[in-house]
């Protein structure tokens, strides 16, 4: 038991990584302070409940932190950030890159459900097929209520199909040592969809799923319908803090080029509030 990882040591490792990964500023400092104050003197062995408590404490400052407790874990802690592993193409294709539904309704509405934002090289064929089926519809509903996030390039691609044929900047992502701009692609003339459009959101819309809704809303292209999203606007990376604890930690934040801010902590706030059981009907009515 004396060799067991204790909470204060886990939090020391966590805050050390936050110091390395996050852009300098008041939010990073506040996050480190709140974690150190709450857990810096706790010397009991780490449990799954402790990981949950650390998450919830961190969420008061930064919504996009996750700790997974793996009691049987044996992998050594990371000393350098490993980055995200490449997804298995067969797994992505087996679920159509998260395009779980495309349906043309009798009133001319085209409903497209996008539940993941997989790498664009794998997702584009399924997105193109969905958008092809949306051509000629009376209106488009993009359902992001089960979208937990993913690749910003895929966000930009979907946004571009609604924002127009000409490339436009969506955001700038701020890292400690660099900035990266994200733009929608240039499209062949007449490719983008011009119909009235709504985006459906809720508590299950997270991270880059929120980004897609936010960028389209800030440009006035869509009506956002549903429930407020959780408010996770950081880009994250996996870090193994201990053999038994895998973390997802912030390494950058997003700045929308229209609002000059983001949805961190506030979530994407719908233009029209609706409970899940009537959200499709509410969205259609809002577009009419």
C-alpha atoms as a PDB file:
ATOM      1  CA  UNK A   1       0.000   0.000   0.000  1.00  0.00           C
ATOM      2  CA  UNK A   2       2.943   2.345   0.623  1.00  0.00           C
ATOM      3  CA  UNK A   3       3.741   2.293  -3.104  1.00  0.00           C
ATOM      4  CA  UNK A   4       0.183   3.195  -4.101  1.00  0.00           C
ATOM      5  CA  UNK A   5      -0.354   6.420  -6.015  1.00  0.00           C
ATOM      6  CA  UNK A   6      -1.903   9.001  -3.701  1.00  0.00           C
ATOM      7  CA  UNK A   7      -4.182  11.857  -4.686  1.00  0.00           C
ATOM      8  CA  UNK A   8      -1.742  14.680  -4.009  1.00  0.00           C
ATOM      9  CA  UNK A   9       0.884  13.036  -6.240  1.00  0.00           C
ATOM     10  CA  UNK A  10      -1.639  12.539  -9.036  1.00  0.00           C
ATOM     11  CA  UNK A  11      -2.698  16.183  -8.831  1.00  0.00           C
ATOM     12  CA  UNK A  12       0.934  17.295  -8.821  1.00  0.00           C
ATOM     13  CA  UNK A  13       1.469  15.368 -12.059  1.00  0.00           C
ATOM     14  CA  UNK A  14      -1.750  16.772 -13.495  1.00  0.00           C
ATOM     15  CA  UNK A  15      -0.918  20.392 -12.702  1.00  0.00           C
ATOM     16  CA  UNK A  16       2.614  19.905 -14.021  1.00  0.00           C
ATOM     17  CA  UNK A  17       1.192  18.802 -17.359  1.00  0.00           C
ATOM     18  CA  UNK A  18      -1.285  21.693 -17.370  1.00  0.00           C
ATOM     19  CA  UNK A  19       1.633  24.060 -16.861  1.00  0.00           C
ATOM     20  CA  UNK A  20       3.345  22.513 -19.892  1.00  0.00           C
ATOM     21  CA  UNK A  21       0.351  22.120 -22.189  1.00  0.00           C
ATOM     22  CA  UNK A  22      -1.971  25.090 -21.713  1.00  0.00           C
ATOM     23  CA  UNK A  23      -1.392  28.598 -23.052  1.00  0.00           C
ATOM     24  CA  UNK A  24      -0.252  30.927 -20.254  1.00  0.00           C
ATOM     25  CA  UNK A  25      -2.953  33.072 -18.714  1.00  0.00           C
ATOM     26  CA  UNK A  26      -5.447  33.576 -15.951  1.00  0.00           C
ATOM     27  CA  UNK A  27      -7.484  30.476 -16.737  1.00  0.00           C
ATOM     28  CA  UNK A  28      -4.505  28.145 -16.608  1.00  0.00           C
ATOM     29  CA  UNK A  29      -3.365  29.705 -13.335  1.00  0.00           C
ATOM     30  CA  UNK A  30      -6.849  29.500 -11.831  1.00  0.00           C
ATOM     31  CA  UNK A  31      -7.170  25.840 -12.843  1.00  0.00           C
ATOM     32  CA  UNK A  32      -3.847  24.907 -11.241  1.00  0.00           C
ATOM     33  CA  UNK A  33      -4.711  26.889  -8.098  1.00  0.00           C
ATOM     34  CA  UNK A  34      -8.139  25.326  -7.596  1.00  0.00           C
ATOM     35  CA  UNK A  35      -6.813  21.785  -8.027  1.00  0.00           C
ATOM     36  CA  UNK A  36      -3.845  22.354  -5.729  1.00  0.00           C
ATOM     37  CA  UNK A  37      -5.955  23.981  -3.045  1.00  0.00           C
ATOM     38  CA  UNK A  38      -8.563  21.220  -3.089  1.00  0.00           C
ATOM     39  CA  UNK A  39      -6.343  18.130  -3.406  1.00  0.00           C
ATOM     40  CA  UNK A  40      -2.764  19.179  -2.629  1.00  0.00           C
ATOM     41  CA  UNK A  41      -2.804  17.692   0.863  1.00  0.00           C
ATOM     42  CA  UNK A  42      -4.842  14.530   0.200  1.00  0.00           C
ATOM     43  CA  UNK A  43      -2.616  11.514   0.832  1.00  0.00           C
ATOM     44  CA  UNK A  44      -5.067   8.641   0.334  1.00  0.00           C
ATOM     45  CA  UNK A  45      -4.618   6.144  -2.541  1.00  0.00           C
ATOM     46  CA  UNK A  46      -6.269   7.192  -5.798  1.00  0.00           C
ATOM     47  CA  UNK A  47      -9.653   5.643  -6.608  1.00  0.00           C
ATOM     48  CA  UNK A  48     -12.138   6.068  -9.414  1.00  0.00           C
ATOM     49  CA  UNK A  49     -14.177   8.357  -7.163  1.00  0.00           C
ATOM     50  CA  UNK A  50     -11.121  10.588  -6.693  1.00  0.00           C
ATOM     51  CA  UNK A  51     -10.714  10.902 -10.456  1.00  0.00           C
ATOM     52  CA  UNK A  52     -14.354  11.949 -10.757  1.00  0.00           C
ATOM     53  CA  UNK A  53     -13.916  14.498  -7.949  1.00  0.00           C
ATOM     54  CA  UNK A  54     -10.810  15.962  -9.607  1.00  0.00           C
ATOM     55  CA  UNK A  55     -12.686  16.230 -12.921  1.00  0.00           C
ATOM     56  CA  UNK A  56     -15.627  18.026 -11.326  1.00  0.00           C
ATOM     57  CA  UNK A  57     -13.332  20.432  -9.525  1.00  0.00           C
ATOM     58  CA  UNK A  58     -11.456  21.189 -12.754  1.00  0.00           C
ATOM     59  CA  UNK A  59     -14.712  21.786 -14.619  1.00  0.00           C
ATOM     60  CA  UNK A  60     -15.350  24.890 -12.522  1.00  0.00           C
ATOM     61  CA  UNK A  61     -12.550  26.484 -14.575  1.00  0.00           C
ATOM     62  CA  UNK A  62     -12.049  24.302 -17.675  1.00  0.00           C
ATOM     63  CA  UNK A  63     -14.836  22.067 -18.912  1.00  0.00           C
ATOM     64  CA  UNK A  64     -12.713  19.795 -21.089  1.00  0.00           C
ATOM     65  CA  UNK A  65     -10.732  17.663 -18.642  1.00  0.00           C
ATOM     66  CA  UNK A  66     -11.290  13.941 -18.237  1.00  0.00           C
ATOM     67  CA  UNK A  67      -9.594  11.352 -16.016  1.00  0.00           C
ATOM     68  CA  UNK A  68     -10.117   7.636 -16.576  1.00  0.00           C
ATOM     69  CA  UNK A  69      -9.211   5.288 -13.723  1.00  0.00           C
ATOM     70  CA  UNK A  70      -7.799   1.963 -14.926  1.00  0.00           C
ATOM     71  CA  UNK A  71      -7.108  -0.221 -11.847  1.00  0.00           C
ATOM     72  CA  UNK A  72      -5.247  -2.856 -13.857  1.00  0.00           C
ATOM     73  CA  UNK A  73      -3.185  -0.404 -15.890  1.00  0.00           C
ATOM     74  CA  UNK A  74       0.525  -1.108 -16.361  1.00  0.00           C
ATOM     75  CA  UNK A  75       1.671   1.403 -19.008  1.00  0.00           C
ATOM     76  CA  UNK A  76       4.262   3.891 -17.728  1.00  0.00           C
ATOM     77  CA  UNK A  77       3.397   7.579 -17.328  1.00  0.00           C
ATOM     78  CA  UNK A  78       4.052   9.791 -20.343  1.00  0.00           C
ATOM     79  CA  UNK A  79       7.080  12.055 -20.288  1.00  0.00           C
ATOM     80  CA  UNK A  80       6.278  13.669 -23.645  1.00  0.00           C
ATOM     81  CA  UNK A  81       2.875  14.336 -25.148  1.00  0.00           C
ATOM     82  CA  UNK A  82       2.140  11.359 -27.455  1.00  0.00           C
ATOM     83  CA  UNK A  83      -0.660  12.985 -29.447  1.00  0.00           C
ATOM     84  CA  UNK A  84      -3.739  11.208 -30.709  1.00  0.00           C
ATOM     85  CA  UNK A  85      -3.400   7.733 -32.237  1.00  0.00           C
ATOM     86  CA  UNK A  86      -4.677   7.281 -35.776  1.00  0.00           C
ATOM     87  CA  UNK A  87      -8.192   5.833 -35.885  1.00  0.00           C
ATOM     88  CA  UNK A  88      -8.826   2.417 -37.378  1.00  0.00           C
ATOM     89  CA  UNK A  89     -10.248   3.121 -40.867  1.00  0.00           C
ATOM     90  CA  UNK A  90     -12.325  -0.052 -40.744  1.00  0.00           C
ATOM     91  CA  UNK A  91     -14.004   1.060 -37.528  1.00  0.00           C
ATOM     92  CA  UNK A  92     -14.727   4.518 -38.964  1.00  0.00           C
ATOM     93  CA  UNK A  93     -16.175   3.076 -42.173  1.00  0.00           C
ATOM     94  CA  UNK A  94     -18.259   0.518 -40.291  1.00  0.00           C
ATOM     95  CA  UNK A  95     -20.199   3.384 -38.680  1.00  0.00           C
ATOM     96  CA  UNK A  96     -20.172   5.615 -41.765  1.00  0.00           C
ATOM     97  CA  UNK A  97     -17.922   8.146 -40.012  1.00  0.00           C
ATOM     98  CA  UNK A  98     -20.712   9.034 -37.623  1.00  0.00           C
ATOM     99  CA  UNK A  99     -23.258   9.949 -40.312  1.00  0.00           C
ATOM    100  CA  UNK A 100     -25.905   7.890 -38.578  1.00  0.00           C
ATOM    101  CA  UNK A 101     -28.988   9.133 -40.421  1.00  0.00           C
ATOM    102  CA  UNK A 102     -30.019  10.980 -43.571  1.00  0.00           C
ATOM    103  CA  UNK A 103     -33.769  11.220 -44.028  1.00  0.00           C
ATOM    104  CA  UNK A 104     -35.991  13.160 -46.417  1.00  0.00           C
ATOM    105  CA  UNK A 105     -39.302  13.868 -44.713  1.00  0.00           C
ATOM    106  CA  UNK A 106     -42.647  14.269 -46.529  1.00  0.00           C
ATOM    107  CA  UNK A 107     -42.607  18.055 -45.998  1.00  0.00           C
ATOM    108  CA  UNK A 108     -39.291  18.367 -47.842  1.00  0.00           C
ATOM    109  CA  UNK A 109     -37.076  18.596 -44.756  1.00  0.00           C
ATOM    110  CA  UNK A 110     -33.740  16.793 -44.939  1.00  0.00           C
ATOM    111  CA  UNK A 111     -32.528  15.557 -41.547  1.00  0.00           C
ATOM    112  CA  UNK A 112     -28.812  14.708 -41.285  1.00  0.00           C
ATOM    113  CA  UNK A 113     -27.486  13.242 -38.042  1.00  0.00           C
ATOM    114  CA  UNK A 114     -23.714  13.552 -37.533  1.00  0.00           C
ATOM    115  CA  UNK A 115     -22.609  11.807 -34.340  1.00  0.00           C
ATOM    116  CA  UNK A 116     -18.812  12.062 -34.734  1.00  0.00           C
ATOM    117  CA  UNK A 117     -16.289  14.258 -36.494  1.00  0.00           C
ATOM    118  CA  UNK A 118     -13.795  11.719 -37.756  1.00  0.00           C
ATOM    119  CA  UNK A 119     -10.721  12.705 -39.812  1.00  0.00           C
ATOM    120  CA  UNK A 120     -11.858  14.329 -43.030  1.00  0.00           C
ATOM    121  CA  UNK A 121      -9.976  11.861 -45.227  1.00  0.00           C
ATOM    122  CA  UNK A 122     -12.264   9.118 -43.897  1.00  0.00           C
ATOM    123  CA  UNK A 123     -15.424  11.124 -43.282  1.00  0.00           C
ATOM    124  CA  UNK A 124     -15.705  13.108 -46.520  1.00  0.00           C
ATOM    125  CA  UNK A 125     -17.311  10.385 -48.681  1.00  0.00           C
ATOM    126  CA  UNK A 126     -20.118   9.917 -46.157  1.00  0.00           C
ATOM    127  CA  UNK A 127     -20.604  13.657 -45.685  1.00  0.00           C
ATOM    128  CA  UNK A 128     -20.677  14.211 -49.454  1.00  0.00           C
ATOM    129  CA  UNK A 129     -23.311  11.506 -49.793  1.00  0.00           C
ATOM    130  CA  UNK A 130     -25.421  13.143 -47.092  1.00  0.00           C
ATOM    131  CA  UNK A 131     -25.123  16.571 -48.698  1.00  0.00           C
ATOM    132  CA  UNK A 132     -26.004  15.122 -52.105  1.00  0.00           C
ATOM    133  CA  UNK A 133     -29.245  13.780 -50.631  1.00  0.00           C
ATOM    134  CA  UNK A 134     -29.921  17.227 -49.170  1.00  0.00           C
ATOM    135  CA  UNK A 135     -29.837  18.893 -52.603  1.00  0.00           C
ATOM    136  CA  UNK A 136     -33.299  20.106 -53.559  1.00  0.00           C
ATOM    137  CA  UNK A 137     -34.743  19.805 -50.049  1.00  0.00           C
ATOM    138  CA  UNK A 138     -36.899  22.553 -48.616  1.00  0.00           C
ATOM    139  CA  UNK A 139     -34.799  22.906 -45.483  1.00  0.00           C
ATOM    140  CA  UNK A 140     -31.930  21.149 -43.700  1.00  0.00           C
ATOM    141  CA  UNK A 141     -31.646  20.004 -40.092  1.00  0.00           C
ATOM    142  CA  UNK A 142     -28.145  19.049 -38.887  1.00  0.00           C
ATOM    143  CA  UNK A 143     -28.589  16.951 -35.757  1.00  0.00           C
ATOM    144  CA  UNK A 144     -25.540  17.238 -33.478  1.00  0.00           C
ATOM    145  CA  UNK A 145     -27.216  16.110 -30.264  1.00  0.00           C
ATOM    146  CA  UNK A 146     -25.048  12.965 -30.057  1.00  0.00           C
ATOM    147  CA  UNK A 147     -21.886  14.572 -31.444  1.00  0.00           C
ATOM    148  CA  UNK A 148     -19.022  14.293 -28.969  1.00  0.00           C
ATOM    149  CA  UNK A 149     -16.484  16.131 -31.121  1.00  0.00           C
ATOM    150  CA  UNK A 150     -13.476  15.281 -33.225  1.00  0.00           C
ATOM    151  CA  UNK A 151     -11.469  16.847 -36.026  1.00  0.00           C
ATOM    152  CA  UNK A 152     -11.566  20.625 -36.666  1.00  0.00           C
ATOM    153  CA  UNK A 153     -10.898  19.995 -40.364  1.00  0.00           C
ATOM    154  CA  UNK A 154     -14.175  18.105 -40.525  1.00  0.00           C
ATOM    155  CA  UNK A 155     -15.911  20.955 -38.706  1.00  0.00           C
ATOM    156  CA  UNK A 156     -14.589  23.350 -41.361  1.00  0.00           C
ATOM    157  CA  UNK A 157     -15.702  21.071 -44.187  1.00  0.00           C
ATOM    158  CA  UNK A 158     -19.279  20.751 -42.931  1.00  0.00           C
ATOM    159  CA  UNK A 159     -19.476  24.464 -42.160  1.00  0.00           C
ATOM    160  CA  UNK A 160     -18.270  25.270 -45.648  1.00  0.00           C
ATOM    161  CA  UNK A 161     -21.055  23.282 -47.261  1.00  0.00           C
ATOM    162  CA  UNK A 162     -23.511  25.625 -45.534  1.00  0.00           C
ATOM    163  CA  UNK A 163     -21.587  28.923 -45.542  1.00  0.00           C
ATOM    164  CA  UNK A 164     -20.841  29.193 -49.258  1.00  0.00           C
ATOM    165  CA  UNK A 165     -18.476  28.246 -52.043  1.00  0.00           C
ATOM    166  CA  UNK A 166     -15.765  30.784 -51.096  1.00  0.00           C
ATOM    167  CA  UNK A 167     -13.307  29.907 -48.336  1.00  0.00           C
ATOM    168  CA  UNK A 168     -13.846  31.796 -45.083  1.00  0.00           C
ATOM    169  CA  UNK A 169     -11.963  31.742 -41.798  1.00  0.00           C
ATOM    170  CA  UNK A 170     -13.832  30.128 -38.918  1.00  0.00           C
ATOM    171  CA  UNK A 171     -11.414  30.306 -36.032  1.00  0.00           C
ATOM    172  CA  UNK A 172      -7.935  30.604 -34.663  1.00  0.00           C
ATOM    173  CA  UNK A 173      -6.668  27.973 -32.220  1.00  0.00           C
ATOM    174  CA  UNK A 174      -4.185  29.306 -29.671  1.00  0.00           C
ATOM    175  CA  UNK A 175      -1.433  26.990 -28.368  1.00  0.00           C
ATOM    176  CA  UNK A 176       1.361  28.007 -25.970  1.00  0.00           C
ATOM    177  CA  UNK A 177       3.855  28.346 -28.830  1.00  0.00           C
ATOM    178  CA  UNK A 178       1.795  28.881 -31.975  1.00  0.00           C
ATOM    179  CA  UNK A 179      -1.565  29.734 -33.510  1.00  0.00           C
ATOM    180  CA  UNK A 180      -3.442  27.824 -36.190  1.00  0.00           C
ATOM    181  CA  UNK A 181      -6.222  29.155 -38.399  1.00  0.00           C
ATOM    182  CA  UNK A 182      -9.107  27.010 -39.607  1.00  0.00           C
ATOM    183  CA  UNK A 183     -10.845  27.919 -42.882  1.00  0.00           C
ATOM    184  CA  UNK A 184     -13.696  26.406 -44.825  1.00  0.00           C
ATOM    185  CA  UNK A 185     -12.603  24.968 -48.188  1.00  0.00           C
ATOM    186  CA  UNK A 186     -13.084  26.603 -51.563  1.00  0.00           C
ATOM    187  CA  UNK A 187     -15.838  24.671 -53.322  1.00  0.00           C
ATOM    188  CA  UNK A 188     -16.847  24.404 -56.977  1.00  0.00           C
ATOM    189  CA  UNK A 189     -19.432  27.033 -57.877  1.00  0.00           C
ATOM    190  CA  UNK A 190     -22.922  25.982 -56.818  1.00  0.00           C
ATOM    191  CA  UNK A 191     -21.741  23.247 -54.455  1.00  0.00           C
ATOM    192  CA  UNK A 192     -22.800  24.815 -51.153  1.00  0.00           C
ATOM    193  CA  UNK A 193     -26.310  24.328 -49.809  1.00  0.00           C
ATOM    194  CA  UNK A 194     -28.497  27.433 -49.787  1.00  0.00           C
ATOM    195  CA  UNK A 195     -31.644  26.171 -48.064  1.00  0.00           C
ATOM    196  CA  UNK A 196     -32.738  27.445 -44.649  1.00  0.00           C
ATOM    197  CA  UNK A 197     -30.914  25.394 -42.046  1.00  0.00           C
ATOM    198  CA  UNK A 198     -31.113  24.554 -38.363  1.00  0.00           C
ATOM    199  CA  UNK A 199     -28.669  22.824 -36.054  1.00  0.00           C
ATOM    200  CA  UNK A 200     -30.014  20.629 -33.250  1.00  0.00           C
ATOM    201  CA  UNK A 201     -27.978  20.638 -30.019  1.00  0.00           C
ATOM    202  CA  UNK A 202     -28.189  19.402 -26.448  1.00  0.00           C
ATOM    203  CA  UNK A 203     -26.163  18.070 -23.507  1.00  0.00           C
ATOM    204  CA  UNK A 204     -24.585  15.418 -25.747  1.00  0.00           C
ATOM    205  CA  UNK A 205     -23.154  18.021 -28.134  1.00  0.00           C
ATOM    206  CA  UNK A 206     -19.541  18.444 -27.020  1.00  0.00           C
ATOM    207  CA  UNK A 207     -16.194  19.988 -27.991  1.00  0.00           C
ATOM    208  CA  UNK A 208     -15.879  20.207 -31.806  1.00  0.00           C
ATOM    209  CA  UNK A 209     -19.569  19.356 -32.079  1.00  0.00           C
ATOM    210  CA  UNK A 210     -20.181  22.577 -30.169  1.00  0.00           C
ATOM    211  CA  UNK A 211     -17.677  24.363 -32.410  1.00  0.00           C
ATOM    212  CA  UNK A 212     -19.662  23.504 -35.538  1.00  0.00           C
ATOM    213  CA  UNK A 213     -22.893  24.811 -34.035  1.00  0.00           C
ATOM    214  CA  UNK A 214     -21.203  27.927 -32.633  1.00  0.00           C
ATOM    215  CA  UNK A 215     -19.411  28.942 -35.847  1.00  0.00           C
ATOM    216  CA  UNK A 216     -22.567  28.547 -37.935  1.00  0.00           C
ATOM    217  CA  UNK A 217     -24.664  30.412 -35.365  1.00  0.00           C
ATOM    218  CA  UNK A 218     -22.210  33.311 -35.068  1.00  0.00           C
ATOM    219  CA  UNK A 219     -22.415  33.848 -38.829  1.00  0.00           C
ATOM    220  CA  UNK A 220     -26.207  33.875 -38.830  1.00  0.00           C
ATOM    221  CA  UNK A 221     -26.394  30.909 -41.192  1.00  0.00           C
ATOM    222  CA  UNK A 222     -28.465  28.602 -39.012  1.00  0.00           C
ATOM    223  CA  UNK A 223     -31.056  28.608 -36.289  1.00  0.00           C
ATOM    224  CA  UNK A 224     -29.769  26.627 -33.305  1.00  0.00           C
ATOM    225  CA  UNK A 225     -32.553  24.638 -31.641  1.00  0.00           C
ATOM    226  CA  UNK A 226     -32.555  22.443 -28.548  1.00  0.00           C
ATOM    227  CA  UNK A 227     -30.823  22.673 -25.177  1.00  0.00           C
ATOM    228  CA  UNK A 228     -27.649  24.462 -24.081  1.00  0.00           C
ATOM    229  CA  UNK A 229     -24.459  22.470 -24.647  1.00  0.00           C
ATOM    230  CA  UNK A 230     -21.838  21.701 -21.938  1.00  0.00           C
ATOM    231  CA  UNK A 231     -19.340  24.418 -22.939  1.00  0.00           C
ATOM    232  CA  UNK A 232     -16.031  22.694 -23.809  1.00  0.00           C
ATOM    233  CA  UNK A 233     -14.001  24.956 -26.100  1.00  0.00           C
ATOM    234  CA  UNK A 234     -10.462  23.655 -25.556  1.00  0.00           C
ATOM    235  CA  UNK A 235      -8.512  21.355 -27.831  1.00  0.00           C
ATOM    236  CA  UNK A 236      -7.286  18.381 -25.818  1.00  0.00           C
ATOM    237  CA  UNK A 237      -4.656  15.666 -25.952  1.00  0.00           C
ATOM    238  CA  UNK A 238      -4.300  12.308 -24.169  1.00  0.00           C
ATOM    239  CA  UNK A 239      -1.717  12.079 -21.387  1.00  0.00           C
ATOM    240  CA  UNK A 240      -1.077   9.054 -19.177  1.00  0.00           C
ATOM    241  CA  UNK A 241      -0.503  10.481 -15.705  1.00  0.00           C
ATOM    242  CA  UNK A 242       0.057   7.084 -14.087  1.00  0.00           C
ATOM    243  CA  UNK A 243      -0.319   3.413 -15.017  1.00  0.00           C
ATOM    244  CA  UNK A 244      -3.803   3.595 -13.540  1.00  0.00           C
ATOM    245  CA  UNK A 245      -4.876   7.064 -14.754  1.00  0.00           C
ATOM    246  CA  UNK A 246      -5.300   8.270 -18.348  1.00  0.00           C
ATOM    247  CA  UNK A 247      -6.159  11.952 -18.790  1.00  0.00           C
ATOM    248  CA  UNK A 248      -7.496  14.146 -21.573  1.00  0.00           C
ATOM    249  CA  UNK A 249      -6.018  17.597 -20.978  1.00  0.00           C
ATOM    250  CA  UNK A 250      -6.339  21.024 -22.643  1.00  0.00           C
ATOM    251  CA  UNK A 251      -3.535  22.167 -24.928  1.00  0.00           C
ATOM    252  CA  UNK A 252      -5.173  25.059 -26.812  1.00  0.00           C
ATOM    253  CA  UNK A 253      -8.298  27.211 -26.935  1.00  0.00           C
ATOM    254  CA  UNK A 254     -10.493  28.365 -29.818  1.00  0.00           C
ATOM    255  CA  UNK A 255     -11.250  31.947 -30.848  1.00  0.00           C
ATOM    256  CA  UNK A 256     -14.149  32.410 -33.284  1.00  0.00           C
ATOM    257  CA  UNK A 257     -13.271  35.066 -35.866  1.00  0.00           C
ATOM    258  CA  UNK A 258     -16.708  36.723 -35.676  1.00  0.00           C
ATOM    259  CA  UNK A 259     -17.238  36.871 -31.899  1.00  0.00           C
ATOM    260  CA  UNK A 260     -13.533  36.956 -30.902  1.00  0.00           C
ATOM    261  CA  UNK A 261     -14.412  34.556 -28.100  1.00  0.00           C
ATOM    262  CA  UNK A 262     -15.815  31.035 -27.695  1.00  0.00           C
ATOM    263  CA  UNK A 263     -18.348  28.911 -25.844  1.00  0.00           C
ATOM    264  CA  UNK A 264     -16.119  27.791 -22.939  1.00  0.00           C
ATOM    265  CA  UNK A 265     -18.182  27.471 -19.784  1.00  0.00           C
ATOM    266  CA  UNK A 266     -21.330  28.998 -21.268  1.00  0.00           C
ATOM    267  CA  UNK A 267     -22.074  26.399 -23.923  1.00  0.00           C
ATOM    268  CA  UNK A 268     -23.770  27.053 -27.235  1.00  0.00           C
ATOM    269  CA  UNK A 269     -27.038  28.726 -26.296  1.00  0.00           C
ATOM    270  CA  UNK A 270     -29.905  27.817 -28.630  1.00  0.00           C
ATOM    271  CA  UNK A 271     -31.800  30.499 -30.516  1.00  0.00           C
ATOM    272  CA  UNK A 272     -34.909  28.437 -29.807  1.00  0.00           C
ATOM    273  CA  UNK A 273     -35.139  26.309 -26.669  1.00  0.00           C
ATOM    274  CA  UNK A 274     -36.805  22.925 -27.152  1.00  0.00           C
ATOM    275  CA  UNK A 275     -36.948  19.629 -25.250  1.00  0.00           C
ATOM    276  CA  UNK A 276     -35.672  16.570 -27.123  1.00  0.00           C
ATOM    277  CA  UNK A 277     -39.079  15.067 -27.840  1.00  0.00           C
ATOM    278  CA  UNK A 278     -40.221  18.036 -29.929  1.00  0.00           C
ATOM    279  CA  UNK A 279     -36.936  19.458 -31.211  1.00  0.00           C
ATOM    280  CA  UNK A 280     -37.395  18.403 -34.850  1.00  0.00           C
ATOM    281  CA  UNK A 281     -40.886  19.864 -35.071  1.00  0.00           C
ATOM    282  CA  UNK A 282     -39.697  23.030 -33.320  1.00  0.00           C
ATOM    283  CA  UNK A 283     -36.801  23.425 -35.741  1.00  0.00           C
ATOM    284  CA  UNK A 284     -39.020  22.988 -38.794  1.00  0.00           C
ATOM    285  CA  UNK A 285     -41.448  25.571 -37.436  1.00  0.00           C
ATOM    286  CA  UNK A 286     -38.603  28.013 -36.748  1.00  0.00           C
ATOM    287  CA  UNK A 287     -37.341  27.727 -40.331  1.00  0.00           C
ATOM    288  CA  UNK A 288     -40.797  28.209 -41.801  1.00  0.00           C
END
